[in-house]
Amino acid sequence: MAEKEIDVIEHLLDLEHEAASLLLDAQTEADKRTAEARSRADAAYKKEYAALIDKLESEYKEKSSEITSKHDADYTAYKNKISASTKDVPSFNKLLDSLLFATN
């Protein structure tokens, strides 16, 4: 009878060791799959991030170019308008005299 109990306990210990081994194998496989999934997700993130950065850089350069062109055109138009205006030197001198040499 004692021998049967010993055999049963040994068998149960063998099953426990086998279960622990299966558990370790399952954990190792889960860690491997998690690492692979993380690696794929990181690669996809980096790819999409790079694409987004490229798109935003392109939009920035385009918008910056548009703004610069508009500024240059507005500045040129302003310079032309100022250059085309007539100058009334005698009236300007009279104004300066009245402002600078006015006696109160």
PDB file of N, CA and C in Angstrom:
ATOM      1  N   MET A   1       0.818  -1.194   0.000  1.00  0.00           N
ATOM      2  CA  MET A   1       0.000   0.000   0.000  1.00  0.00           C
ATOM      3  C   MET A   1       0.861   1.256   0.000  1.00  0.00           C
ATOM      4  N   ALA A   2       1.906   1.284   0.818  1.00  0.00           N
ATOM      5  CA  ALA A   2       2.793   2.438   0.884  1.00  0.00           C
ATOM      6  C   ALA A   2       3.511   2.632  -0.440  1.00  0.00           C
ATOM      7  N   GLU A   3       3.797   1.508  -1.096  1.00  0.00           N
ATOM      8  CA  GLU A   3       4.479   1.600  -2.388  1.00  0.00           C
ATOM      9  C   GLU A   3       3.573   2.240  -3.439  1.00  0.00           C
ATOM     10  N   LYS A   4       2.281   1.922  -3.389  1.00  0.00           N
ATOM     11  CA  LYS A   4       1.325   2.508  -4.318  1.00  0.00           C
ATOM     12  C   LYS A   4       1.228   4.017  -4.092  1.00  0.00           C
ATOM     13  N   GLU A   5       1.208   4.421  -2.841  1.00  0.00           N
ATOM     14  CA  GLU A   5       1.119   5.846  -2.511  1.00  0.00           C
ATOM     15  C   GLU A   5       2.364   6.586  -2.994  1.00  0.00           C
ATOM     16  N   ILE A   6       3.509   5.953  -2.839  1.00  0.00           N
ATOM     17  CA  ILE A   6       4.760   6.554  -3.303  1.00  0.00           C
ATOM     18  C   ILE A   6       4.726   6.705  -4.821  1.00  0.00           C
ATOM     19  N   ASP A   7       4.224   5.659  -5.505  1.00  0.00           N
ATOM     20  CA  ASP A   7       4.122   5.713  -6.971  1.00  0.00           C
ATOM     21  C   ASP A   7       3.174   6.831  -7.409  1.00  0.00           C
ATOM     22  N   VAL A   8       2.055   6.972  -6.703  1.00  0.00           N
ATOM     23  CA  VAL A   8       1.081   8.016  -7.024  1.00  0.00           C
ATOM     24  C   VAL A   8       1.700   9.393  -6.799  1.00  0.00           C
ATOM     25  N   ILE A   9       2.415   9.568  -5.679  1.00  0.00           N
ATOM     26  CA  ILE A   9       3.048  10.858  -5.378  1.00  0.00           C
ATOM     27  C   ILE A   9       4.127  11.165  -6.410  1.00  0.00           C
ATOM     28  N   GLU A  10       4.926  10.154  -6.780  1.00  0.00           N
ATOM     29  CA  GLU A  10       5.949  10.357  -7.810  1.00  0.00           C
ATOM     30  C   GLU A  10       5.305  10.740  -9.143  1.00  0.00           C
ATOM     31  N   HIS A  11       4.209  10.056  -9.467  1.00  0.00           N
ATOM     32  CA  HIS A  11       3.501  10.369 -10.714  1.00  0.00           C
ATOM     33  C   HIS A  11       2.967  11.803 -10.681  1.00  0.00           C
ATOM     34  N   LEU A  12       2.413  12.206  -9.531  1.00  0.00           N
ATOM     35  CA  LEU A  12       1.899  13.574  -9.401  1.00  0.00           C
ATOM     36  C   LEU A  12       3.036  14.599  -9.484  1.00  0.00           C
ATOM     37  N   LEU A  13       4.171  14.292  -8.905  1.00  0.00           N
ATOM     38  CA  LEU A  13       5.330  15.187  -9.006  1.00  0.00           C
ATOM     39  C   LEU A  13       5.817  15.293 -10.453  1.00  0.00           C
ATOM     40  N   ASP A  14       5.815  14.164 -11.161  1.00  0.00           N
ATOM     41  CA  ASP A  14       6.197  14.192 -12.584  1.00  0.00           C
ATOM     42  C   ASP A  14       5.230  15.063 -13.386  1.00  0.00           C
ATOM     43  N   LEU A  15       3.938  14.928 -13.090  1.00  0.00           N
ATOM     44  CA  LEU A  15       2.937  15.753 -13.775  1.00  0.00           C
ATOM     45  C   LEU A  15       3.129  17.233 -13.453  1.00  0.00           C
ATOM     46  N   GLU A  16       3.472  17.528 -12.192  1.00  0.00           N
ATOM     47  CA  GLU A  16       3.708  18.912 -11.786  1.00  0.00           C
ATOM     48  C   GLU A  16       4.915  19.487 -12.528  1.00  0.00           C
ATOM     49  N   HIS A  17       5.979  18.706 -12.641  1.00  0.00           N
ATOM     50  CA  HIS A  17       7.163  19.157 -13.382  1.00  0.00           C
ATOM     51  C   HIS A  17       6.841  19.369 -14.862  1.00  0.00           C
ATOM     52  N   GLU A  18       6.063  18.463 -15.410  1.00  0.00           N
ATOM     53  CA  GLU A  18       5.667  18.581 -16.818  1.00  0.00           C
ATOM     54  C   GLU A  18       4.803  19.835 -17.032  1.00  0.00           C
ATOM     55  N   ALA A  19       3.889  20.084 -16.090  1.00  0.00           N
ATOM     56  CA  ALA A  19       3.034  21.277 -16.178  1.00  0.00           C
ATOM     57  C   ALA A  19       3.879  22.543 -16.058  1.00  0.00           C
ATOM     58  N   ALA A  20       4.864  22.532 -15.171  1.00  0.00           N
ATOM     59  CA  ALA A  20       5.739  23.688 -15.019  1.00  0.00           C
ATOM     60  C   ALA A  20       6.537  23.921 -16.296  1.00  0.00           C
ATOM     61  N   SER A  21       6.979  22.845 -16.918  1.00  0.00           N
ATOM     62  CA  SER A  21       7.715  22.948 -18.176  1.00  0.00           C
ATOM     63  C   SER A  21       6.827  23.510 -19.282  1.00  0.00           C
ATOM     64  N   LEU A  22       5.584  23.037 -19.354  1.00  0.00           N
ATOM     65  CA  LEU A  22       4.635  23.546 -20.351  1.00  0.00           C
ATOM     66  C   LEU A  22       4.354  25.031 -20.111  1.00  0.00           C
ATOM     67  N   LEU A  23       4.212  25.393 -18.852  1.00  0.00           N
ATOM     68  CA  LEU A  23       3.963  26.783 -18.506  1.00  0.00           C
ATOM     69  C   LEU A  23       5.138  27.664 -18.920  1.00  0.00           C
ATOM     70  N   LEU A  24       6.355  27.203 -18.663  1.00  0.00           N
ATOM     71  CA  LEU A  24       7.550  27.944 -19.056  1.00  0.00           C
ATOM     72  C   LEU A  24       7.619  28.091 -20.570  1.00  0.00           C
ATOM     73  N   ASP A  25       7.324  27.005 -21.287  1.00  0.00           N
ATOM     74  CA  ASP A  25       7.317  27.061 -22.758  1.00  0.00           C
ATOM     75  C   ASP A  25       6.260  28.051 -23.264  1.00  0.00           C
ATOM     76  N   ALA A  26       5.091  28.024 -22.645  1.00  0.00           N
ATOM     77  CA  ALA A  26       4.015  28.935 -23.053  1.00  0.00           C
ATOM     78  C   ALA A  26       4.401  30.384 -22.771  1.00  0.00           C
ATOM     79  N   GLN A  27       5.022  30.641 -21.630  1.00  0.00           N
ATOM     80  CA  GLN A  27       5.449  32.005 -21.297  1.00  0.00           C
ATOM     81  C   GLN A  27       6.530  32.478 -22.268  1.00  0.00           C
ATOM     82  N   THR A  28       7.459  31.588 -22.598  1.00  0.00           N
ATOM     83  CA  THR A  28       8.517  31.928 -23.555  1.00  0.00           C
ATOM     84  C   THR A  28       7.914  32.261 -24.917  1.00  0.00           C
ATOM     85  N   GLU A  29       6.966  31.464 -25.358  1.00  0.00           N
ATOM     86  CA  GLU A  29       6.313  31.717 -26.654  1.00  0.00           C
ATOM     87  C   GLU A  29       5.518  33.022 -26.613  1.00  0.00           C
ATOM     88  N   ALA A  30       4.837  33.289 -25.499  1.00  0.00           N
ATOM     89  CA  ALA A  30       4.075  34.538 -25.369  1.00  0.00           C
ATOM     90  C   ALA A  30       5.016  35.739 -25.394  1.00  0.00           C
ATOM     91  N   ASP A  31       6.141  35.639 -24.705  1.00  0.00           N
ATOM     92  CA  ASP A  31       7.119  36.732 -24.714  1.00  0.00           C
ATOM     93  C   ASP A  31       7.662  36.956 -26.126  1.00  0.00           C
ATOM     94  N   LYS A  32       7.916  35.879 -26.835  1.00  0.00           N
ATOM     95  CA  LYS A  32       8.427  35.973 -28.208  1.00  0.00           C
ATOM     96  C   LYS A  32       7.399  36.660 -29.108  1.00  0.00           C
ATOM     97  N   ARG A  33       6.155  36.242 -29.007  1.00  0.00           N
ATOM     98  CA  ARG A  33       5.098  36.844 -29.836  1.00  0.00           C
ATOM     99  C   ARG A  33       4.886  38.313 -29.484  1.00  0.00           C
ATOM    100  N   THR A  34       4.955  38.621 -28.184  1.00  0.00           N
ATOM    101  CA  THR A  34       4.799  40.016 -27.750  1.00  0.00           C
ATOM    102  C   THR A  34       5.927  40.872 -28.306  1.00  0.00           C
ATOM    103  N   ALA A  35       7.151  40.354 -28.253  1.00  0.00           N
ATOM    104  CA  ALA A  35       8.299  41.097 -28.772  1.00  0.00           C
ATOM    105  C   ALA A  35       8.171  41.315 -30.280  1.00  0.00           C
ATOM    106  N   GLU A  36       7.721  40.292 -31.000  1.00  0.00           N
ATOM    107  CA  GLU A  36       7.535  40.421 -32.449  1.00  0.00           C
ATOM    108  C   GLU A  36       6.446  41.444 -32.772  1.00  0.00           C
ATOM    109  N   ALA A  37       5.350  41.382 -32.025  1.00  0.00           N
ATOM    110  CA  ALA A  37       4.253  42.332 -32.256  1.00  0.00           C
ATOM    111  C   ALA A  37       4.713  43.751 -31.950  1.00  0.00           C
ATOM    112  N   ARG A  38       5.466  43.931 -30.868  1.00  0.00           N
ATOM    113  CA  ARG A  38       5.979  45.255 -30.507  1.00  0.00           C
ATOM    114  C   ARG A  38       6.929  45.757 -31.603  1.00  0.00           C
ATOM    115  N   SER A  39       7.753  44.874 -32.102  1.00  0.00           N
ATOM    116  CA  SER A  39       8.693  45.245 -33.159  1.00  0.00           C
ATOM    117  C   SER A  39       7.942  45.684 -34.422  1.00  0.00           C
ATOM    118  N   ARG A  40       6.909  44.937 -34.799  1.00  0.00           N
ATOM    119  CA  ARG A  40       6.110  45.313 -35.977  1.00  0.00           C
ATOM    120  C   ARG A  40       5.389  46.638 -35.747  1.00  0.00           C
ATOM    121  N   ALA A  41       4.851  46.818 -34.541  1.00  0.00           N
ATOM    122  CA  ALA A  41       4.135  48.063 -34.230  1.00  0.00           C
ATOM    123  C   ALA A  41       5.096  49.256 -34.243  1.00  0.00           C
ATOM    124  N   ASP A  42       6.292  49.071 -33.694  1.00  0.00           N
ATOM    125  CA  ASP A  42       7.280  50.151 -33.713  1.00  0.00           C
ATOM    126  C   ASP A  42       7.683  50.504 -35.139  1.00  0.00           C
ATOM    127  N   ALA A  43       7.871  49.488 -35.972  1.00  0.00           N
ATOM    128  CA  ALA A  43       8.240  49.729 -37.368  1.00  0.00           C
ATOM    129  C   ALA A  43       7.119  50.469 -38.098  1.00  0.00           C
ATOM    130  N   ALA A  44       5.887  50.061 -37.872  1.00  0.00           N
ATOM    131  CA  ALA A  44       4.754  50.725 -38.518  1.00  0.00           C
ATOM    132  C   ALA A  44       4.633  52.165 -38.034  1.00  0.00           C
ATOM    133  N   TYR A  45       4.834  52.378 -36.731  1.00  0.00           N
ATOM    134  CA  TYR A  45       4.771  53.732 -36.168  1.00  0.00           C
ATOM    135  C   TYR A  45       5.840  54.616 -36.793  1.00  0.00           C
ATOM    136  N   LYS A  46       7.069  54.118 -36.853  1.00  0.00           N
ATOM    137  CA  LYS A  46       8.163  54.902 -37.421  1.00  0.00           C
ATOM    138  C   LYS A  46       7.902  55.228 -38.888  1.00  0.00           C
ATOM    139  N   LYS A  47       7.351  54.273 -39.627  1.00  0.00           N
ATOM    140  CA  LYS A  47       7.048  54.494 -41.036  1.00  0.00           C
ATOM    141  C   LYS A  47       5.982  55.579 -41.197  1.00  0.00           C
ATOM    142  N   GLU A  48       4.898  55.474 -40.438  1.00  0.00           N
ATOM    143  CA  GLU A  48       3.829  56.469 -40.527  1.00  0.00           C
ATOM    144  C   GLU A  48       4.289  57.828 -40.012  1.00  0.00           C
ATOM    145  N   TYR A  49       5.114  57.833 -38.960  1.00  0.00           N
ATOM    146  CA  TYR A  49       5.639  59.077 -38.415  1.00  0.00           C
ATOM    147  C   TYR A  49       6.510  59.779 -39.455  1.00  0.00           C
ATOM    148  N   ALA A  50       7.382  59.020 -40.106  1.00  0.00           N
ATOM    149  CA  ALA A  50       8.242  59.595 -41.142  1.00  0.00           C
ATOM    150  C   ALA A  50       7.408  60.139 -42.299  1.00  0.00           C
ATOM    151  N   ALA A  51       6.361  59.414 -42.695  1.00  0.00           N
ATOM    152  CA  ALA A  51       5.496  59.882 -43.774  1.00  0.00           C
ATOM    153  C   ALA A  51       4.785  61.168 -43.371  1.00  0.00           C
ATOM    154  N   LEU A  52       4.314  61.240 -42.133  1.00  0.00           N
ATOM    155  CA  LEU A  52       3.634  62.436 -41.648  1.00  0.00           C
ATOM    156  C   LEU A  52       4.592  63.625 -41.600  1.00  0.00           C
ATOM    157  N   ILE A  53       5.808  63.392 -41.122  1.00  0.00           N
ATOM    158  CA  ILE A  53       6.805  64.459 -41.067  1.00  0.00           C
ATOM    159  C   ILE A  53       7.114  64.962 -42.473  1.00  0.00           C
ATOM    160  N   ASP A  54       7.282  64.044 -43.423  1.00  0.00           N
ATOM    161  CA  ASP A  54       7.552  64.442 -44.807  1.00  0.00           C
ATOM    162  C   ASP A  54       6.402  65.281 -45.365  1.00  0.00           C
ATOM    163  N   LYS A  55       5.170  64.860 -45.083  1.00  0.00           N
ATOM    164  CA  LYS A  55       3.998  65.588 -45.568  1.00  0.00           C
ATOM    165  C   LYS A  55       3.950  66.989 -44.961  1.00  0.00           C
ATOM    166  N   LEU A  56       4.152  67.069 -43.651  1.00  0.00           N
ATOM    167  CA  LEU A  56       4.102  68.370 -42.979  1.00  0.00           C
ATOM    168  C   LEU A  56       5.238  69.285 -43.435  1.00  0.00           C
ATOM    169  N   GLU A  57       6.414  68.724 -43.649  1.00  0.00           N
ATOM    170  CA  GLU A  57       7.545  69.515 -44.156  1.00  0.00           C
ATOM    171  C   GLU A  57       7.215  70.065 -45.541  1.00  0.00           C
ATOM    172  N   SER A  58       6.629  69.234 -46.377  1.00  0.00           N
ATOM    173  CA  SER A  58       6.257  69.654 -47.721  1.00  0.00           C
ATOM    174  C   SER A  58       5.222  70.771 -47.671  1.00  0.00           C
ATOM    175  N   GLU A  59       4.200  70.599 -46.812  1.00  0.00           N
ATOM    176  CA  GLU A  59       3.172  71.632 -46.674  1.00  0.00           C
ATOM    177  C   GLU A  59       3.777  72.927 -46.142  1.00  0.00           C
ATOM    178  N   TYR A  60       4.695  72.806 -45.196  1.00  0.00           N
ATOM    179  CA  TYR A  60       5.355  73.987 -44.636  1.00  0.00           C
ATOM    180  C   TYR A  60       6.134  74.732 -45.715  1.00  0.00           C
ATOM    181  N   LYS A  61       6.920  74.000 -46.488  1.00  0.00           N
ATOM    182  CA  LYS A  61       7.716  74.643 -47.538  1.00  0.00           C
ATOM    183  C   LYS A  61       6.818  75.316 -48.572  1.00  0.00           C
ATOM    184  N   GLU A  62       5.725  74.637 -48.935  1.00  0.00           N
ATOM    185  CA  GLU A  62       4.797  75.195 -49.918  1.00  0.00           C
ATOM    186  C   GLU A  62       4.150  76.472 -49.389  1.00  0.00           C
ATOM    187  N   LYS A  63       3.647  76.415 -48.158  1.00  0.00           N
ATOM    188  CA  LYS A  63       2.981  77.574 -47.558  1.00  0.00           C
ATOM    189  C   LYS A  63       3.980  78.710 -47.352  1.00  0.00           C
ATOM    190  N   SER A  64       5.177  78.377 -46.907  1.00  0.00           N
ATOM    191  CA  SER A  64       6.212  79.387 -46.712  1.00  0.00           C
ATOM    192  C   SER A  64       6.555  80.072 -48.033  1.00  0.00           C
ATOM    193  N   SER A  65       6.639  79.284 -49.087  1.00  0.00           N
ATOM    194  CA  SER A  65       6.920  79.841 -50.414  1.00  0.00           C
ATOM    195  C   SER A  65       5.791  80.769 -50.867  1.00  0.00           C
ATOM    196  N   GLU A  66       4.551  80.356 -50.620  1.00  0.00           N
ATOM    197  CA  GLU A  66       3.405  81.197 -50.989  1.00  0.00           C
ATOM    198  C   GLU A  66       3.445  82.528 -50.229  1.00  0.00           C
ATOM    199  N   ILE A  67       3.718  82.449 -48.938  1.00  0.00           N
ATOM    200  CA  ILE A  67       3.752  83.665 -48.107  1.00  0.00           C
ATOM    201  C   ILE A  67       4.885  84.580 -48.561  1.00  0.00           C
ATOM    202  N   THR A  68       6.041  83.999 -48.828  1.00  0.00           N
ATOM    203  CA  THR A  68       7.181  84.798 -49.288  1.00  0.00           C
ATOM    204  C   THR A  68       6.869  85.463 -50.620  1.00  0.00           C
ATOM    205  N   SER A  69       6.258  84.724 -51.540  1.00  0.00           N
ATOM    206  CA  SER A  69       5.897  85.295 -52.838  1.00  0.00           C
ATOM    207  C   SER A  69       4.904  86.443 -52.680  1.00  0.00           C
ATOM    208  N   LYS A  70       3.889  86.239 -51.840  1.00  0.00           N
ATOM    209  CA  LYS A  70       2.893  87.292 -51.624  1.00  0.00           C
ATOM    210  C   LYS A  70       3.548  88.514 -50.972  1.00  0.00           C
ATOM    211  N   HIS A  71       4.411  88.274 -49.996  1.00  0.00           N
ATOM    212  CA  HIS A  71       5.103  89.381 -49.335  1.00  0.00           C
ATOM    213  C   HIS A  71       5.944  90.168 -50.335  1.00  0.00           C
ATOM    214  N   ASP A  72       6.690  89.450 -51.163  1.00  0.00           N
ATOM    215  CA  ASP A  72       7.528  90.123 -52.166  1.00  0.00           C
ATOM    216  C   ASP A  72       6.676  90.940 -53.133  1.00  0.00           C
ATOM    217  N   ALA A  73       5.552  90.374 -53.565  1.00  0.00           N
ATOM    218  CA  ALA A  73       4.662  91.088 -54.487  1.00  0.00           C
ATOM    219  C   ALA A  73       4.070  92.329 -53.809  1.00  0.00           C
ATOM    220  N   ASP A  74       3.621  92.189 -52.575  1.00  0.00           N
ATOM    221  CA  ASP A  74       3.063  93.331 -51.842  1.00  0.00           C
ATOM    222  C   ASP A  74       4.118  94.410 -51.609  1.00  0.00           C
ATOM    223  N   TYR A  75       5.320  93.992 -51.279  1.00  0.00           N
ATOM    224  CA  TYR A  75       6.399  94.949 -51.033  1.00  0.00           C
ATOM    225  C   TYR A  75       6.758  95.696 -52.315  1.00  0.00           C
ATOM    226  N   THR A  76       6.830  94.981 -53.406  1.00  0.00           N
ATOM    227  CA  THR A  76       7.124  95.619 -54.695  1.00  0.00           C
ATOM    228  C   THR A  76       6.018  96.592 -55.072  1.00  0.00           C
ATOM    229  N   ALA A  77       4.773  96.207 -54.881  1.00  0.00           N
ATOM    230  CA  ALA A  77       3.646  97.095 -55.199  1.00  0.00           C
ATOM    231  C   ALA A  77       3.708  98.344 -54.316  1.00  0.00           C
ATOM    232  N   TYR A  78       4.035  98.182 -53.045  1.00  0.00           N
ATOM    233  CA  TYR A  78       4.134  99.323 -52.132  1.00  0.00           C
ATOM    234  C   TYR A  78       5.263 100.261 -52.576  1.00  0.00           C
ATOM    235  N   LYS A  79       6.429  99.697 -52.924  1.00  0.00           N
ATOM    236  CA  LYS A  79       7.553 100.526 -53.377  1.00  0.00           C
ATOM    237  C   LYS A  79       7.181 101.292 -54.645  1.00  0.00           C
ATOM    238  N   ASN A  80       6.493 100.627 -55.550  1.00  0.00           N
ATOM    239  CA  ASN A  80       6.081 101.286 -56.800  1.00  0.00           C
ATOM    240  C   ASN A  80       5.088 102.410 -56.523  1.00  0.00           C
ATOM    241  N   LYS A  81       4.175 102.169 -55.592  1.00  0.00           N
ATOM    242  CA  LYS A  81       3.185 103.188 -55.239  1.00  0.00           C
ATOM    243  C   LYS A  81       3.876 104.406 -54.621  1.00  0.00           C
ATOM    244  N   ILE A  82       4.816 104.157 -53.715  1.00  0.00           N
ATOM    245  CA  ILE A  82       5.540 105.257 -53.073  1.00  0.00           C
ATOM    246  C   ILE A  82       6.376 106.017 -54.101  1.00  0.00           C
ATOM    247  N   SER A  83       7.033 105.269 -54.973  1.00  0.00           N
ATOM    248  CA  SER A  83       7.877 105.915 -55.986  1.00  0.00           C
ATOM    249  C   SER A  83       7.040 106.747 -56.955  1.00  0.00           C
ATOM    250  N   ALA A  84       5.831 106.336 -57.227  1.00  0.00           N
ATOM    251  CA  ALA A  84       4.986 107.030 -58.194  1.00  0.00           C
ATOM    252  C   ALA A  84       4.285 108.255 -57.602  1.00  0.00           C
ATOM    253  N   SER A  85       4.276 108.346 -56.277  1.00  0.00           N
ATOM    254  CA  SER A  85       3.566 109.473 -55.677  1.00  0.00           C
ATOM    255  C   SER A  85       4.352 110.777 -55.890  1.00  0.00           C
ATOM    256  N   THR A  86       3.604 111.860 -56.024  1.00  0.00           N
ATOM    257  CA  THR A  86       4.248 113.167 -56.243  1.00  0.00           C
ATOM    258  C   THR A  86       4.690 113.739 -54.909  1.00  0.00           C
ATOM    259  N   LYS A  87       5.791 114.462 -54.977  1.00  0.00           N
ATOM    260  CA  LYS A  87       6.344 115.051 -53.758  1.00  0.00           C
ATOM    261  C   LYS A  87       6.124 116.566 -53.816  1.00  0.00           C
ATOM    262  N   ASP A  88       5.571 117.071 -52.744  1.00  0.00           N
ATOM    263  CA  ASP A  88       5.328 118.516 -52.634  1.00  0.00           C
ATOM    264  C   ASP A  88       6.355 119.084 -51.651  1.00  0.00           C
ATOM    265  N   VAL A  89       7.540 119.375 -52.160  1.00  0.00           N
ATOM    266  CA  VAL A  89       8.659 119.815 -51.323  1.00  0.00           C
ATOM    267  C   VAL A  89       8.363 121.131 -50.612  1.00  0.00           C
ATOM    268  N   PRO A  90       7.815 122.138 -51.283  1.00  0.00           N
ATOM    269  CA  PRO A  90       7.551 123.390 -50.572  1.00  0.00           C
ATOM    270  C   PRO A  90       6.583 123.220 -49.398  1.00  0.00           C
ATOM    271  N   SER A  91       5.542 122.433 -49.567  1.00  0.00           N
ATOM    272  CA  SER A  91       4.591 122.210 -48.471  1.00  0.00           C
ATOM    273  C   SER A  91       5.261 121.444 -47.333  1.00  0.00           C
ATOM    274  N   PHE A  92       6.099 120.496 -47.665  1.00  0.00           N
ATOM    275  CA  PHE A  92       6.811 119.728 -46.643  1.00  0.00           C
ATOM    276  C   PHE A  92       7.742 120.643 -45.853  1.00  0.00           C
ATOM    277  N   ASN A  93       8.468 121.495 -46.546  1.00  0.00           N
ATOM    278  CA  ASN A  93       9.372 122.421 -45.862  1.00  0.00           C
ATOM    279  C   ASN A  93       8.590 123.383 -44.964  1.00  0.00           C
ATOM    280  N   LYS A  94       7.445 123.836 -45.448  1.00  0.00           N
ATOM    281  CA  LYS A  94       6.610 124.747 -44.667  1.00  0.00           C
ATOM    282  C   LYS A  94       6.128 124.049 -43.384  1.00  0.00           C
ATOM    283  N   LEU A  95       5.732 122.784 -43.506  1.00  0.00           N
ATOM    284  CA  LEU A  95       5.296 122.004 -42.341  1.00  0.00           C
ATOM    285  C   LEU A  95       6.441 121.861 -41.347  1.00  0.00           C
ATOM    286  N   LEU A  96       7.619 121.528 -41.820  1.00  0.00           N
ATOM    287  CA  LEU A  96       8.773 121.397 -40.923  1.00  0.00           C
ATOM    288  C   LEU A  96       9.080 122.711 -40.216  1.00  0.00           C
ATOM    289  N   ASP A  97       9.027 123.794 -40.955  1.00  0.00           N
ATOM    290  CA  ASP A  97       9.284 125.102 -40.337  1.00  0.00           C
ATOM    291  C   ASP A  97       8.263 125.376 -39.237  1.00  0.00           C
ATOM    292  N   SER A  98       7.017 125.066 -39.504  1.00  0.00           N
ATOM    293  CA  SER A  98       5.983 125.360 -38.505  1.00  0.00           C
ATOM    294  C   SER A  98       6.116 124.463 -37.276  1.00  0.00           C
ATOM    295  N   LEU A  99       6.607 123.256 -37.456  1.00  0.00           N
ATOM    296  CA  LEU A  99       6.749 122.333 -36.343  1.00  0.00           C
ATOM    297  C   LEU A  99       8.034 122.590 -35.538  1.00  0.00           C
ATOM    298  N   LEU A 100       9.117 122.862 -36.233  1.00  0.00           N
ATOM    299  CA  LEU A 100      10.397 122.977 -35.553  1.00  0.00           C
ATOM    300  C   LEU A 100      10.674 124.405 -35.047  1.00  0.00           C
ATOM    301  N   PHE A 101      10.207 125.374 -35.763  1.00  0.00           N
ATOM    302  CA  PHE A 101      10.553 126.739 -35.396  1.00  0.00           C
ATOM    303  C   PHE A 101       9.351 127.551 -34.948  1.00  0.00           C
ATOM    304  N   ALA A 102       8.343 126.896 -34.475  1.00  0.00           N
ATOM    305  CA  ALA A 102       7.129 127.587 -34.030  1.00  0.00           C
ATOM    306  C   ALA A 102       7.430 128.285 -32.692  1.00  0.00           C
ATOM    307  N   THR A 103       6.957 129.477 -32.555  1.00  0.00           N
ATOM    308  CA  THR A 103       7.113 130.215 -31.306  1.00  0.00           C
ATOM    309  C   THR A 103       5.756 130.294 -30.639  1.00  0.00           C
ATOM    310  N   ASN A 104       5.737 129.908 -29.411  1.00  0.00           N
ATOM    311  CA  ASN A 104       4.463 129.941 -28.690  1.00  0.00           C
ATOM    312  C   ASN A 104       4.340 131.167 -27.890  1.00  0.00           C
TER     313      ASN A 104
END
